[in-house]
Amino acid sequence: LDFSRDLDRGSDPSALSRAEYVVGRGYLILNMRMERREQFFGDDTVVQSRLPEAEIRLRSRRLGKSPLYLSMVSSAAILDKSGTGFPTGSYGRVDIFPSISAPMSPAPWLDVTPSLQLRETYYTRALDPDDPTRFGDALAREFMLFDTQFLGPRLSRIFFDEKGNGRLKSTIEPRLTYRYLRSPDSEENARILRFDEIDLLPGDLNEIQFGVVSRLFARKVVRTPAPAEQEGGEIQGDGSQASTAGPEAPKPSSTGLPGVLREENDLSLLPSGEEKAGVKLTSPVEIMNVSLTQRYSFDRTLSTDVQFLDRDGDGVETLETLAESHLSSLILDARVNPSRNTSLDARVGYHILENAVSDASFSASLFHPSYGFLRGSWFFRNGLDGQTLNSSRLRVNGGTSFLRHKISVAVSLNYDASLARLQDQRYRVGYDTQCCGFAVEVLDRDFIGTNQREYRFVINLRGIGNFLDLQNGGSGP
């Protein structure tokens, strides 16, 4: 169903079937799921199945009157992973992952949160150490992760904008986190068949991560409906109209940030928590988050400067390490949400030894209930290790609809700028009625050495799924 309606997922070379049931009571959440995923790699196909999986989550809860808080994620599953190079057959896995923390504030300006995480995972069958293409005996793996987070001193300021028609709150929070982990034996770890994130380990850790986070909050002011407006719905502060059948507007709070007037001629600024002349305040909303972080390891190298050099002058270059550092690259993360329907994200990594940008990514998302959506992403990686090439990729997804959303048009494009090649393009036209939907899709993939084109026609029954799914196409050099 998602494949025929969402090109963002449809362009992924995989097929997913999933059934899930979630129930919660108090601090406990039970999640039952069955899943089958086919991942396509050229002529090979890898199939992963959960048959089924039960997961229990315990939300953080205080242990009596002690300063300790307990949270836990545990699961039991029957798993199967088949494909070239994988053993045939299913196996069981039981995972218990509790976490104990003790948040405290030794000073008004400082928050400290030490935590201890324990993980015990049991596999009914693991890979044979002599032949990794078949299963061997059972395996139990356990490890412990300790970390402590320091937050503060926190600085904040509430101020007016330049026009004097609003208030914002800006905060600056220095952060430092220490992590310590000793991984299980490498030979035992090599026997584990990688299925999901539970089976992965970050390796030995003995490091600190430090940085600073700047956040910007705003509290908007909206107008409550006047008597003449009651019939047509509530008029928001930005001039848009909302149905009276929708959820009630948030009530003003006695704490937090003052409001930000969206219209200069509306009213004067309101103090925090007040309501005046048909105007009320919404809850504070984070509209910007910027962080700069770096890691330092006590026992391993995190950054290296390598280059190909001809030391002997014989014309043969060898890869040599010129410098090493226990400090990692600088990471700058930024997220801006100017409105509910607009978001901007950016991430930049700066190599401290090469004095160059190591990687970067930018993404933007725009949505309008009447005109449609547009999403774009750009990914860049600088081949500073002397072994990988520079890469630059651009991805664009967009769509719109007509005739009260009966006719929809969507497009998905993936462009490799380093190769100057449009590698993946997909187009979809759909027609939806109250009972069913019709869709026509065209897919064209152009990778090095492989060209694939597919055509698809889908009839979808609302509430049931795909009734008819016809596909045709071919591939070639």
Protein backbone atom coordinates (compact mmCIF):
# COMPACT_ATOMS: atom_id res chain seq x y z
CA LEU A 1 0.00 0.00 0.00
CA ASP A 2 2.77 2.44 0.91
CA PHE A 3 4.74 1.42 -2.18
CA SER A 4 1.96 2.55 -4.53
CA ARG A 5 1.20 5.80 -2.69
CA ASP A 6 4.51 7.14 -1.38
CA LEU A 7 7.31 7.60 -3.89
CA ASP A 8 9.75 8.40 -1.10
CA ARG A 9 9.37 4.79 0.04
CA GLY A 10 8.63 3.40 -3.38
CA SER A 11 12.04 4.40 -4.72
CA ASP A 12 13.69 2.19 -2.09
CA PRO A 13 14.71 -1.16 -3.70
CA SER A 14 12.86 -3.26 -1.13
CA ALA A 15 9.44 -4.75 -0.50
CA LEU A 16 7.99 -4.70 3.01
CA SER A 17 5.04 -6.60 4.47
CA ARG A 18 4.19 -5.85 8.07
CA ALA A 19 1.49 -6.46 10.68
CA GLU A 20 1.68 -4.75 14.06
CA TYR A 21 -0.42 -4.56 17.22
CA VAL A 22 0.35 -2.10 20.03
CA VAL A 23 -1.31 -1.87 23.43
CA GLY A 24 -0.30 0.24 26.41
CA ARG A 25 -1.26 0.41 30.04
CA GLY A 26 0.36 2.73 32.54
CA TYR A 27 4.12 2.67 32.12
CA LEU A 28 4.12 -0.50 29.97
CA ILE A 29 3.77 -0.78 26.19
CA LEU A 30 3.43 -4.13 24.40
CA ASN A 31 4.25 -4.28 20.70
CA MET A 32 3.51 -7.42 18.68
CA ARG A 33 4.75 -7.46 15.09
CA MET A 34 5.29 -9.74 12.13
CA GLU A 35 7.47 -8.49 9.29
CA ARG A 36 8.92 -9.67 6.01
CA ARG A 37 11.38 -7.49 4.08
CA GLU A 38 12.90 -8.26 0.69
CA GLN A 39 16.01 -6.25 -0.14
CA PHE A 40 17.14 -6.34 -3.76
CA PHE A 41 20.85 -6.18 -4.68
CA GLY A 42 21.06 -6.61 -8.45
CA ASP A 43 20.43 -10.31 -9.10
CA ASP A 44 20.55 -11.20 -5.38
CA THR A 45 17.71 -10.87 -2.89
CA VAL A 46 18.02 -10.89 0.90
CA VAL A 47 14.85 -11.75 2.83
CA GLN A 48 14.50 -10.86 6.53
CA SER A 49 11.51 -12.08 8.54
CA ARG A 50 10.23 -11.69 12.09
CA LEU A 51 7.95 -14.65 12.81
CA PRO A 52 6.84 -12.98 15.10
CA GLU A 53 8.38 -10.55 17.62
CA ALA A 54 7.06 -9.39 21.00
CA GLU A 55 8.53 -6.22 22.51
CA ILE A 56 7.87 -4.77 25.96
CA ARG A 57 8.81 -1.18 26.79
CA LEU A 58 8.84 0.26 30.29
CA ARG A 59 8.84 4.04 30.31
CA SER A 60 11.14 5.73 32.79
CA ARG A 61 9.71 5.32 36.29
CA ARG A 62 10.98 6.28 39.71
CA LEU A 63 11.85 3.39 42.02
CA GLY A 64 9.92 4.18 45.17
CA LYS A 65 11.30 7.20 47.00
CA SER A 66 14.84 6.61 45.80
CA PRO A 67 16.58 8.96 43.33
CA LEU A 68 16.80 6.11 40.79
CA TYR A 69 14.71 5.79 37.63
CA LEU A 70 14.24 2.55 35.69
CA SER A 71 13.43 2.10 32.01
CA MET A 72 13.63 -1.04 29.91
CA VAL A 73 13.24 -2.41 26.40
CA SER A 74 13.01 -6.19 26.08
CA SER A 75 12.02 -8.42 23.19
CA ALA A 76 11.67 -12.04 22.12
CA ALA A 77 11.58 -13.01 18.45
CA ILE A 78 11.89 -15.80 15.93
CA LEU A 79 14.07 -14.47 13.11
CA ASP A 80 14.97 -15.66 9.65
CA LYS A 81 17.49 -14.18 7.20
CA SER A 82 18.00 -15.90 3.88
CA GLY A 83 20.07 -15.09 0.81
CA THR A 84 23.45 -15.72 -0.75
CA GLY A 85 26.05 -16.37 1.96
CA PHE A 86 23.53 -16.72 4.81
CA PRO A 87 22.66 -19.97 6.63
CA THR A 88 19.27 -21.53 5.99
CA GLY A 89 16.75 -21.69 8.81
CA SER A 90 15.29 -19.59 11.58
CA TYR A 91 16.59 -18.94 15.09
CA GLY A 92 15.33 -17.42 18.33
CA ARG A 93 16.57 -14.29 20.07
CA VAL A 94 15.74 -12.95 23.54
CA ASP A 95 17.01 -9.49 24.45
CA ILE A 96 16.80 -7.73 27.84
CA PHE A 97 17.95 -4.10 27.97
CA PRO A 98 17.28 -2.25 31.27
CA SER A 99 18.62 1.21 32.08
CA ILE A 100 18.97 2.85 35.51
CA SER A 101 19.56 6.59 35.84
CA ALA A 102 19.82 9.04 38.73
CA PRO A 103 19.19 12.64 37.57
CA MET A 104 20.31 15.28 40.04
CA SER A 105 20.94 19.03 40.27
CA PRO A 106 23.89 19.71 42.59
CA ALA A 107 23.58 23.42 41.72
CA PRO A 108 20.75 25.54 40.28
CA TRP A 109 22.73 25.98 37.08
CA LEU A 110 23.93 22.37 36.67
CA ASP A 111 22.12 19.10 35.85
CA VAL A 112 23.95 15.76 36.15
CA THR A 113 22.51 12.44 34.96
CA PRO A 114 24.56 9.27 35.48
CA SER A 115 23.10 6.12 33.94
CA LEU A 116 23.95 2.43 33.70
CA GLN A 117 22.68 0.25 30.84
CA LEU A 118 22.87 -3.53 30.88
CA ARG A 119 22.20 -5.72 27.86
CA GLU A 120 21.80 -9.48 27.81
CA THR A 121 21.04 -11.17 24.48
CA TYR A 122 20.55 -14.90 23.98
CA TYR A 123 20.59 -16.60 20.56
CA THR A 124 19.28 -20.15 20.19
CA ARG A 125 21.65 -20.56 17.23
CA ALA A 126 24.69 -18.57 16.12
CA LEU A 127 27.03 -18.82 13.16
CA ASP A 128 29.46 -21.70 13.08
CA PRO A 129 32.98 -20.25 13.70
CA ASP A 130 34.46 -22.71 11.16
CA ASP A 131 31.78 -22.18 8.48
CA PRO A 132 29.79 -18.90 8.68
CA THR A 133 27.37 -20.15 6.00
CA ARG A 134 25.68 -22.51 8.48
CA PHE A 135 24.42 -22.36 12.06
CA GLY A 136 26.26 -23.66 15.10
CA ASP A 137 25.60 -23.74 18.83
CA ALA A 138 23.67 -21.26 20.97
CA LEU A 139 25.31 -18.05 22.16
CA ALA A 140 24.76 -15.59 25.02
CA ARG A 141 26.17 -12.07 24.83
CA GLU A 142 26.23 -9.43 27.54
CA PHE A 143 27.75 -5.98 27.97
CA MET A 144 27.42 -2.90 30.15
CA LEU A 145 27.42 0.78 29.15
CA PHE A 146 28.01 3.56 31.67
CA ASP A 147 27.56 7.23 30.83
CA THR A 148 27.19 10.50 32.68
CA GLN A 149 25.78 13.69 31.19
CA PHE A 150 26.53 17.19 32.49
CA LEU A 151 24.27 20.02 31.36
CA GLY A 152 24.97 23.60 32.33
CA PRO A 153 25.39 26.33 33.16
CA ARG A 154 22.25 27.11 31.13
CA LEU A 155 21.94 30.68 29.91
CA SER A 156 18.68 32.12 28.62
CA ARG A 157 17.21 35.42 27.54
CA ILE A 158 13.73 36.64 26.62
CA PHE A 159 13.63 39.55 24.18
CA PHE A 160 11.53 41.52 21.68
CA ASP A 161 12.15 41.41 17.95
CA GLU A 162 13.23 44.48 16.00
CA LYS A 163 9.66 45.59 15.24
CA GLY A 164 8.67 45.33 18.87
CA ASN A 165 5.79 43.02 18.05
CA GLY A 166 6.92 39.78 19.59
CA ARG A 167 8.96 37.91 22.16
CA LEU A 168 11.31 34.97 21.82
CA LYS A 169 13.41 32.92 24.21
CA SER A 170 16.99 31.94 23.42
CA THR A 171 18.94 29.39 25.46
CA ILE A 172 22.59 28.29 25.39
CA GLU A 173 23.40 24.95 27.02
CA PRO A 174 26.96 23.57 27.32
CA ARG A 175 26.90 19.77 27.41
CA LEU A 176 29.45 17.10 28.30
CA THR A 177 28.87 13.34 28.22
CA TYR A 178 31.24 10.57 29.30
CA ARG A 179 30.71 7.03 27.92
CA TYR A 180 32.42 3.79 28.85
CA LEU A 181 31.78 0.43 27.18
CA ARG A 182 33.76 -2.76 26.90
CA SER A 183 32.53 -4.89 24.00
CA PRO A 184 32.16 -8.66 24.25
CA ASP A 185 34.81 -10.97 22.88
CA SER A 186 35.41 -10.28 19.18
CA GLU A 187 35.22 -14.00 18.30
CA GLU A 188 31.80 -14.27 19.92
CA ASN A 189 30.66 -11.08 18.26
CA ALA A 190 31.66 -12.46 14.84
CA ARG A 191 29.29 -15.41 15.35
CA ILE A 192 26.21 -13.18 15.58
CA LEU A 193 24.12 -12.91 12.41
CA ARG A 194 23.42 -9.21 11.87
CA PHE A 195 19.66 -8.67 11.68
CA ASP A 196 18.92 -5.25 13.22
CA GLU A 197 20.35 -2.68 15.63
CA ILE A 198 20.19 -5.10 18.58
CA ASP A 199 22.97 -7.19 17.02
CA LEU A 200 25.29 -4.23 16.39
CA LEU A 201 27.90 -2.87 18.81
CA PRO A 202 29.83 0.41 18.60
CA GLY A 203 33.03 -1.25 19.82
CA ASP A 204 34.98 -0.29 22.92
CA LEU A 205 34.19 3.19 24.20
CA ASN A 206 36.11 5.32 26.66
CA GLU A 207 35.41 8.84 25.51
CA ILE A 208 33.80 12.16 26.23
CA GLN A 209 31.58 14.20 23.96
CA PHE A 210 31.42 17.92 24.56
CA GLY A 211 29.70 20.80 22.87
CA VAL A 212 27.19 23.59 23.11
CA VAL A 213 23.54 23.71 22.06
CA SER A 214 21.62 26.88 21.24
CA ARG A 215 17.82 26.72 21.09
CA LEU A 216 15.24 29.31 20.11
CA PHE A 217 11.62 29.13 21.28
CA ALA A 218 8.56 31.15 20.33
CA ARG A 219 5.07 31.37 21.73
CA LYS A 220 2.54 32.41 19.13
CA VAL A 221 -0.57 34.51 19.70
CA VAL A 222 -3.83 33.47 18.01
CA ARG A 223 -7.22 35.18 17.97
CA THR A 224 -10.21 33.42 19.49
CA PRO A 225 -13.36 33.49 17.31
CA ALA A 226 -15.58 36.53 17.59
CA PRO A 227 -19.39 35.97 17.56
CA ALA A 228 -19.54 36.72 13.82
CA GLU A 229 -16.81 34.15 13.17
CA GLN A 230 -18.30 31.23 15.11
CA GLU A 231 -20.21 29.84 12.14
CA GLY A 232 -17.25 29.83 9.77
CA GLY A 233 -14.68 28.43 12.17
CA GLU A 234 -11.83 29.82 14.16
CA ILE A 235 -9.62 32.47 12.57
CA GLN A 236 -5.96 31.98 13.35
CA GLY A 237 -3.50 34.79 13.86
CA ASP A 238 -1.96 34.20 10.44
CA GLY A 239 -5.30 34.71 8.71
CA SER A 240 -6.03 31.03 8.03
CA GLN A 241 -9.32 29.42 8.95
CA ALA A 242 -9.67 26.27 11.01
CA SER A 243 -12.77 24.13 11.38
CA THR A 244 -14.60 24.29 14.71
CA ALA A 245 -14.72 20.49 14.63
CA GLY A 246 -10.97 20.30 15.15
CA PRO A 247 -9.11 20.07 18.45
CA GLU A 248 -9.42 22.89 20.93
CA ALA A 249 -6.71 25.55 20.81
CA PRO A 250 -4.10 25.23 23.57
CA LYS A 251 -4.94 27.11 26.75
CA PRO A 252 -2.66 29.87 27.98
CA SER A 253 -0.09 28.87 30.55
CA SER A 254 1.01 30.78 33.61
CA THR A 255 4.65 30.02 32.86
CA GLY A 256 6.88 30.02 29.83
CA LEU A 257 7.40 32.48 27.05
CA PRO A 258 5.32 35.49 26.11
CA GLY A 259 3.48 35.38 22.82
CA VAL A 260 4.59 36.50 19.39
CA LEU A 261 1.98 38.58 17.60
CA ARG A 262 1.54 37.51 13.99
CA GLU A 263 -0.12 40.78 12.93
CA GLU A 264 1.30 44.16 13.86
CA ASN A 265 -2.08 45.89 14.05
CA ASP A 266 -3.75 43.19 16.14
CA LEU A 267 -3.09 44.17 19.76
CA SER A 268 -0.23 45.19 21.99
CA LEU A 269 2.10 42.54 23.33
CA LEU A 270 0.67 40.29 25.99
CA PRO A 271 2.51 39.32 29.16
CA SER A 272 3.04 35.61 29.60
CA GLY A 273 -0.11 33.68 30.43
CA GLU A 274 -2.59 36.52 29.84
CA GLU A 275 -5.62 36.55 27.55
CA LYS A 276 -6.87 39.84 26.19
CA ALA A 277 -9.53 40.97 23.70
CA GLY A 278 -10.09 37.54 22.16
CA VAL A 279 -6.39 36.62 22.00
CA LYS A 280 -4.81 33.56 23.63
CA LEU A 281 -1.31 32.09 23.77
CA THR A 282 -0.18 28.75 22.40
CA SER A 283 2.41 26.48 24.00
CA PRO A 284 6.11 27.30 23.44
CA VAL A 285 7.45 25.89 20.18
CA GLU A 286 11.10 25.26 19.33
CA ILE A 287 11.78 26.97 16.02
CA MET A 288 15.58 26.55 15.88
CA ASN A 289 18.19 24.21 17.32
CA VAL A 290 21.91 24.55 16.60
CA SER A 291 24.63 22.37 18.16
CA LEU A 292 28.40 22.10 17.83
CA THR A 293 29.95 18.91 19.22
CA GLN A 294 33.21 16.97 19.26
CA ARG A 295 34.44 13.73 20.81
CA TYR A 296 37.69 12.80 22.55
CA SER A 297 38.74 9.18 23.04
CA PHE A 298 41.11 8.15 25.82
CA ASP A 299 42.28 4.95 24.14
CA ARG A 300 41.87 5.14 20.37
CA THR A 301 42.43 7.37 17.35
CA LEU A 302 39.39 9.21 16.00
CA SER A 303 41.01 11.31 13.24
CA THR A 304 43.83 10.56 10.81
CA ASP A 305 45.55 12.53 8.07
CA VAL A 306 46.55 10.18 5.25
CA GLN A 307 47.97 10.91 1.80
CA PHE A 308 49.50 9.06 -1.13
CA LEU A 309 53.22 9.93 -1.25
CA ASP A 310 56.16 8.94 -3.46
CA ARG A 311 58.94 8.73 -0.86
CA ASP A 312 61.46 6.88 -3.06
CA GLY A 313 60.93 8.94 -6.19
CA ASP A 314 60.24 5.82 -8.28
CA GLY A 315 56.79 6.99 -9.33
CA VAL A 316 55.01 4.55 -7.02
CA GLU A 317 52.83 6.22 -4.40
CA THR A 318 51.93 4.57 -1.12
CA LEU A 319 49.28 5.54 1.40
CA GLU A 320 50.93 6.96 4.52
CA THR A 321 49.59 8.32 7.79
CA LEU A 322 50.93 11.82 8.44
CA ALA A 323 49.13 12.64 11.68
CA GLU A 324 46.70 11.15 14.19
CA SER A 325 44.46 12.61 16.85
CA HIS A 326 42.25 11.34 19.64
CA LEU A 327 39.84 14.18 18.79
CA SER A 328 37.07 13.58 16.28
CA SER A 329 35.80 15.88 13.56
CA LEU A 330 33.74 18.90 14.57
CA ILE A 331 30.04 18.32 13.94
CA LEU A 332 27.63 21.20 13.34
CA ASP A 333 23.92 20.33 13.39
CA ALA A 334 21.15 22.82 12.70
CA ARG A 335 17.38 22.45 12.53
CA VAL A 336 14.97 25.28 11.73
CA ASN A 337 11.17 24.98 11.84
CA PRO A 338 9.73 28.38 10.91
CA SER A 339 6.23 26.87 10.66
CA ARG A 340 4.41 23.57 11.06
CA ASN A 341 4.70 22.90 7.33
CA THR A 342 8.29 24.02 6.77
CA SER A 343 11.55 22.55 8.04
CA LEU A 344 15.24 22.96 7.26
CA ASP A 345 18.03 20.64 8.42
CA ALA A 346 21.78 20.84 7.97
CA ARG A 347 24.77 18.84 9.16
CA VAL A 348 28.44 19.63 8.48
CA GLY A 349 31.51 17.68 9.57
CA TYR A 350 34.89 19.44 9.70
CA HIS A 351 38.10 17.36 9.67
CA ILE A 352 40.48 18.90 12.22
CA LEU A 353 43.68 17.49 10.66
CA GLU A 354 42.85 18.03 7.00
CA ASN A 355 41.31 21.46 7.74
CA ALA A 356 38.50 20.67 5.32
CA VAL A 357 34.83 19.73 5.30
CA SER A 358 34.61 15.94 5.53
CA ASP A 359 30.88 15.56 4.91
CA ALA A 360 27.74 17.65 4.72
CA SER A 361 24.01 17.22 4.25
CA PHE A 362 21.16 19.67 3.77
CA SER A 363 17.45 18.97 3.53
CA ALA A 364 14.30 21.06 3.26
CA SER A 365 10.63 20.21 3.37
CA LEU A 366 7.65 22.30 2.31
CA PHE A 367 4.00 21.30 2.61
CA HIS A 368 0.74 23.01 1.76
CA PRO A 369 -2.65 21.28 2.19
CA SER A 370 -3.90 22.74 -1.10
CA TYR A 371 -0.80 22.85 -3.31
CA GLY A 372 1.09 19.72 -2.26
CA PHE A 373 4.58 19.02 -0.95
CA LEU A 374 8.22 19.39 -1.95
CA ARG A 375 11.21 17.73 -0.26
CA GLY A 376 14.83 18.07 -1.23
CA SER A 377 18.11 16.68 0.15
CA TRP A 378 21.78 17.06 -0.73
CA PHE A 379 24.52 14.77 0.56
CA PHE A 380 28.25 15.38 0.17
CA ARG A 381 31.23 13.31 1.27
CA ASN A 382 34.83 14.38 0.82
CA GLY A 383 37.24 11.53 0.11
CA LEU A 384 39.87 12.62 2.60
CA ASP A 385 41.04 9.11 3.47
CA GLY A 386 42.87 8.73 0.15
CA GLN A 387 40.87 5.61 -0.73
CA THR A 388 37.35 6.85 -1.48
CA LEU A 389 36.22 9.34 -4.11
CA ASN A 390 34.25 12.49 -3.49
CA SER A 391 30.51 11.97 -3.73
CA SER A 392 27.67 14.44 -4.14
CA ARG A 393 24.04 13.36 -4.42
CA LEU A 394 20.80 15.28 -4.77
CA ARG A 395 17.33 13.91 -4.08
CA VAL A 396 14.03 15.64 -4.83
CA ASN A 397 10.48 14.45 -4.09
CA GLY A 398 7.36 16.41 -4.91
CA GLY A 399 3.68 16.02 -5.52
CA THR A 400 0.41 17.86 -5.93
CA SER A 401 -3.27 17.11 -6.45
CA PHE A 402 -6.24 18.44 -8.38
CA LEU A 403 -10.04 18.28 -8.29
CA ARG A 404 -10.26 18.13 -4.48
CA HIS A 405 -7.43 15.60 -4.23
CA LYS A 406 -9.01 13.14 -6.66
CA ILE A 407 -6.14 13.36 -9.14
CA SER A 408 -2.59 13.26 -7.78
CA VAL A 409 0.79 13.63 -9.47
CA ALA A 410 4.12 12.79 -7.82
CA VAL A 411 7.75 12.60 -8.90
CA SER A 412 10.97 11.34 -7.28
CA LEU A 413 14.45 12.06 -8.65
CA ASN A 414 17.93 10.99 -7.49
CA TYR A 415 20.88 12.74 -9.15
CA ASP A 416 24.55 11.85 -8.67
CA ALA A 417 26.38 15.14 -9.18
CA SER A 418 29.84 13.56 -8.97
CA LEU A 419 28.99 11.31 -11.95
CA ALA A 420 26.62 13.80 -13.64
CA ARG A 421 24.05 11.00 -13.85
CA LEU A 422 20.31 10.89 -13.08
CA GLN A 423 20.38 7.51 -11.37
CA ASP A 424 16.79 7.08 -10.27
CA GLN A 425 13.56 8.65 -11.45
CA ARG A 426 9.97 7.70 -10.71
CA TYR A 427 6.70 9.24 -11.84
CA ARG A 428 3.20 8.51 -10.59
CA VAL A 429 -0.31 9.61 -11.60
CA GLY A 430 -3.24 8.51 -9.46
CA TYR A 431 -7.01 8.85 -9.37
CA ASP A 432 -8.80 8.28 -6.05
CA THR A 433 -12.51 7.83 -5.38
CA GLN A 434 -14.41 7.12 -2.17
CA CYS A 435 -14.10 3.36 -2.63
CA CYS A 436 -10.93 2.77 -4.60
CA GLY A 437 -7.89 4.25 -6.26
CA PHE A 438 -6.05 3.81 -9.56
CA ALA A 439 -2.36 4.53 -10.09
CA VAL A 440 0.13 4.37 -12.94
CA GLU A 441 3.86 4.43 -12.12
CA VAL A 442 6.98 4.59 -14.27
CA LEU A 443 10.41 3.79 -12.79
CA ASP A 444 13.75 4.32 -14.52
CA ARG A 445 17.03 3.41 -12.79
CA ASP A 446 20.37 4.13 -14.46
CA PHE A 447 23.34 2.83 -12.48
CA ILE A 448 26.81 2.03 -13.77
CA GLY A 449 26.47 -1.11 -15.87
CA THR A 450 22.73 -1.53 -15.26
CA ASN A 451 19.66 0.18 -16.66
CA GLN A 452 16.21 -0.80 -15.44
CA ARG A 453 12.78 0.47 -16.48
CA GLU A 454 9.49 -0.67 -14.95
CA TYR A 455 5.82 0.12 -15.56
CA ARG A 456 3.15 -0.47 -12.97
CA PHE A 457 -0.65 -0.28 -12.78
CA VAL A 458 -2.37 -0.60 -9.40
CA ILE A 459 -6.02 -0.78 -8.30
CA ASN A 460 -6.35 -0.20 -4.56
CA LEU A 461 -9.51 -0.85 -2.54
CA ARG A 462 -9.85 1.53 0.38
CA GLY A 463 -9.40 -0.24 3.70
CA ILE A 464 -8.43 -3.53 2.03
CA GLY A 465 -5.29 -2.97 -0.02
CA ASN A 466 -4.13 -3.65 -3.55
CA PHE A 467 -6.75 -5.53 -5.57
CA LEU A 468 -4.76 -5.56 -8.81
CA ASP A 469 -1.03 -4.99 -9.25
CA LEU A 470 0.39 -5.32 -12.76
CA GLN A 471 4.10 -4.80 -13.43
CA ASN A 472 6.20 -5.01 -16.55
CA GLY A 473 9.68 -3.93 -17.48
CA GLY A 474 13.20 -5.03 -18.11
CA SER A 475 16.84 -4.28 -17.50
CA GLY A 476 19.97 -4.17 -19.57
CA PRO A 477 23.49 -2.78 -19.77
